[in-house]
C-alpha atoms as a PDB file:
ATOM      1  CA  MET A   1      26.233   8.917 -18.122  1.00  0.00           C
ATOM      2  CA  VAL A   2      27.510   9.928 -14.752  1.00  0.00           C
ATOM      3  CA  THR A   3      31.180  11.063 -14.762  1.00  0.00           C
ATOM      4  CA  HIS A   4      33.534  13.545 -13.433  1.00  0.00           C
ATOM      5  CA  ASP A   5      35.786  13.416 -16.603  1.00  0.00           C
ATOM      6  CA  PRO A   6      35.045  16.466 -18.826  1.00  0.00           C
ATOM      7  CA  ARG A   7      36.195  14.632 -22.087  1.00  0.00           C
ATOM      8  CA  ALA A   8      33.747  11.773 -21.327  1.00  0.00           C
ATOM      9  CA  ALA A   9      31.025  14.225 -20.626  1.00  0.00           C
ATOM     10  CA  GLU A  10      31.465  15.884 -23.980  1.00  0.00           C
ATOM     11  CA  ARG A  11      30.932  12.572 -25.715  1.00  0.00           C
ATOM     12  CA  ALA A  12      27.828  11.678 -23.634  1.00  0.00           C
ATOM     13  CA  HIS A  13      24.486  11.670 -25.489  1.00  0.00           C
ATOM     14  CA  THR A  14      22.333  12.890 -22.691  1.00  0.00           C
ATOM     15  CA  VAL A  15      22.790  15.301 -19.856  1.00  0.00           C
ATOM     16  CA  LEU A  16      21.302  14.068 -16.565  1.00  0.00           C
ATOM     17  CA  HIS A  17      20.949  16.351 -13.628  1.00  0.00           C
ATOM     18  CA  LEU A  18      21.005  13.957 -10.645  1.00  0.00           C
ATOM     19  CA  GLU A  19      19.354  16.466  -8.269  1.00  0.00           C
ATOM     20  CA  LYS A  20      16.251  16.277 -10.448  1.00  0.00           C
ATOM     21  CA  ARG A  21      16.282  12.723 -11.852  1.00  0.00           C
ATOM     22  CA  ASP A  22      17.913   9.458 -10.963  1.00  0.00           C
ATOM     23  CA  ALA A  23      20.164   7.317 -13.143  1.00  0.00           C
ATOM     24  CA  ARG A  24      17.172   5.432 -14.600  1.00  0.00           C
ATOM     25  CA  GLY A  25      15.887   8.688 -16.082  1.00  0.00           C
ATOM     26  CA  GLY A  26      12.710   8.732 -13.884  1.00  0.00           C
ATOM     27  CA  ARG A  27      11.879  10.973 -10.978  1.00  0.00           C
ATOM     28  CA  ALA A  28      14.099  10.778  -7.983  1.00  0.00           C
ATOM     29  CA  GLY A  29      12.535   8.948  -5.066  1.00  0.00           C
ATOM     30  CA  PRO A  30      12.140   5.496  -3.556  1.00  0.00           C
ATOM     31  CA  PRO A  31      12.929   2.588  -5.903  1.00  0.00           C
ATOM     32  CA  PRO A  32      10.036   0.618  -7.392  1.00  0.00           C
ATOM     33  CA  VAL A  33       8.732  -2.396  -5.493  1.00  0.00           C
ATOM     34  CA  LYS A  34      11.732  -4.652  -5.191  1.00  0.00           C
ATOM     35  CA  TYR A  35      10.318  -7.944  -3.887  1.00  0.00           C
ATOM     36  CA  ARG A  36       6.968  -8.051  -5.718  1.00  0.00           C
ATOM     37  CA  HIS A  37       7.703 -11.396  -7.279  1.00  0.00           C
ATOM     38  CA  LEU A  38       8.514 -12.975  -3.882  1.00  0.00           C
ATOM     39  CA  LEU A  39       5.289 -11.587  -2.370  1.00  0.00           C
ATOM     40  CA  LEU A  40       3.145 -12.926  -5.223  1.00  0.00           C
ATOM     41  CA  ALA A  41       4.896 -16.365  -5.231  1.00  0.00           C
ATOM     42  CA  ASN A  42       4.399 -16.733  -1.472  1.00  0.00           C
ATOM     43  CA  LEU A  43       0.718 -15.555  -1.632  1.00  0.00           C
ATOM     44  CA  PHE A  44      -0.199 -18.375  -4.091  1.00  0.00           C
ATOM     45  CA  ARG A  45       2.129 -21.058  -2.621  1.00  0.00           C
ATOM     46  CA  ARG A  46      -0.470 -21.995  -0.077  1.00  0.00           C
ATOM     47  CA  PRO A  47      -3.890 -20.901  -1.495  1.00  0.00           C
ATOM     48  CA  VAL A  48      -5.895 -22.284   1.452  1.00  0.00           C
ATOM     49  CA  ARG A  49      -3.946 -20.110   3.941  1.00  0.00           C
ATOM     50  CA  THR A  50      -4.324 -17.082   1.704  1.00  0.00           C
ATOM     51  CA  ALA A  51      -8.146 -17.682   1.387  1.00  0.00           C
ATOM     52  CA  LEU A  52      -8.464 -18.079   5.127  1.00  0.00           C
ATOM     53  CA  THR A  53      -6.524 -14.919   5.778  1.00  0.00           C
ATOM     54  CA  VAL A  54      -8.553 -12.873   3.318  1.00  0.00           C
ATOM     55  CA  GLY A  55     -11.788 -14.361   4.588  1.00  0.00           C
ATOM     56  CA  SER A  56     -11.012 -13.562   8.211  1.00  0.00           C
ATOM     57  CA  PHE A  57     -10.134  -9.963   7.257  1.00  0.00           C
ATOM     58  CA  ALA A  58     -13.480  -9.715   5.453  1.00  0.00           C
ATOM     59  CA  VAL A  59     -15.416 -11.163   8.436  1.00  0.00           C
ATOM     60  CA  ALA A  60     -13.599  -8.701  10.808  1.00  0.00           C
ATOM     61  CA  LEU A  61     -14.522  -5.741   8.663  1.00  0.00           C
ATOM     62  CA  PHE A  62     -18.065  -6.967   8.488  1.00  0.00           C
ATOM     63  CA  LEU A  63     -18.336  -7.310  12.281  1.00  0.00           C
ATOM     64  CA  PHE A  64     -16.802  -3.876  12.825  1.00  0.00           C
ATOM     65  CA  GLY A  65     -19.385  -2.453  10.410  1.00  0.00           C
ATOM     66  CA  ILE A  66     -22.241  -4.197  12.239  1.00  0.00           C
ATOM     67  CA  LEU A  67     -20.976  -2.949  15.611  1.00  0.00           C
ATOM     68  CA  ALA A  68     -20.771   0.592  14.309  1.00  0.00           C
ATOM     69  CA  VAL A  69     -24.339   0.415  13.053  1.00  0.00           C
ATOM     70  CA  VAL A  70     -25.730  -1.095  16.281  1.00  0.00           C
ATOM     71  CA  ARG A  71     -23.857   1.513  18.541  1.00  0.00           C
ATOM     72  CA  ALA A  72     -24.563   4.528  16.421  1.00  0.00           C
ATOM     73  CA  PRO A  73     -28.102   5.192  17.812  1.00  0.00           C
ATOM     74  CA  SER A  74     -26.901   4.991  21.423  1.00  0.00           C
ATOM     75  CA  THR A  75     -24.447   7.787  20.850  1.00  0.00           C
ATOM     76  CA  ARG A  76     -26.954  10.013  19.163  1.00  0.00           C
ATOM     77  CA  GLY A  77     -29.379  10.199  22.054  1.00  0.00           C
ATOM     78  CA  SER A  78     -32.038   7.994  20.668  1.00  0.00           C
ATOM     79  CA  THR A  79     -34.951   7.037  22.961  1.00  0.00           C
ATOM     80  CA  SER A  80     -35.614   3.608  21.389  1.00  0.00           C
ATOM     81  CA  PRO A  81     -35.235   0.539  23.782  1.00  0.00           C
ATOM     82  CA  ALA A  82     -32.444  -0.864  21.618  1.00  0.00           C
ATOM     83  CA  SER A  83     -30.256   2.218  22.324  1.00  0.00           C
ATOM     84  CA  THR A  84     -30.537   1.804  26.137  1.00  0.00           C
ATOM     85  CA  ALA A  85     -29.281  -1.732  26.119  1.00  0.00           C
ATOM     86  CA  TRP A  86     -25.677  -0.671  25.639  1.00  0.00           C
END
């Protein structure tokens, strides 16, 4: 109970120090995720779009990984013919 009335504070069951905890009783800080239900609802509203987005992200990560593997020997001073092509 948050109050400035001393009589009401005497009848309160718990003492809550607001500099240490918030009104919900948890640690002070940012509130929990507020719009999680909207996010999940919109993710599954168009499953094809969600699948294409996730798939394109996976392909991009795969291609960046392949590029890193192919370019790695050229930056290490390798003498193989593949490293001089770049």
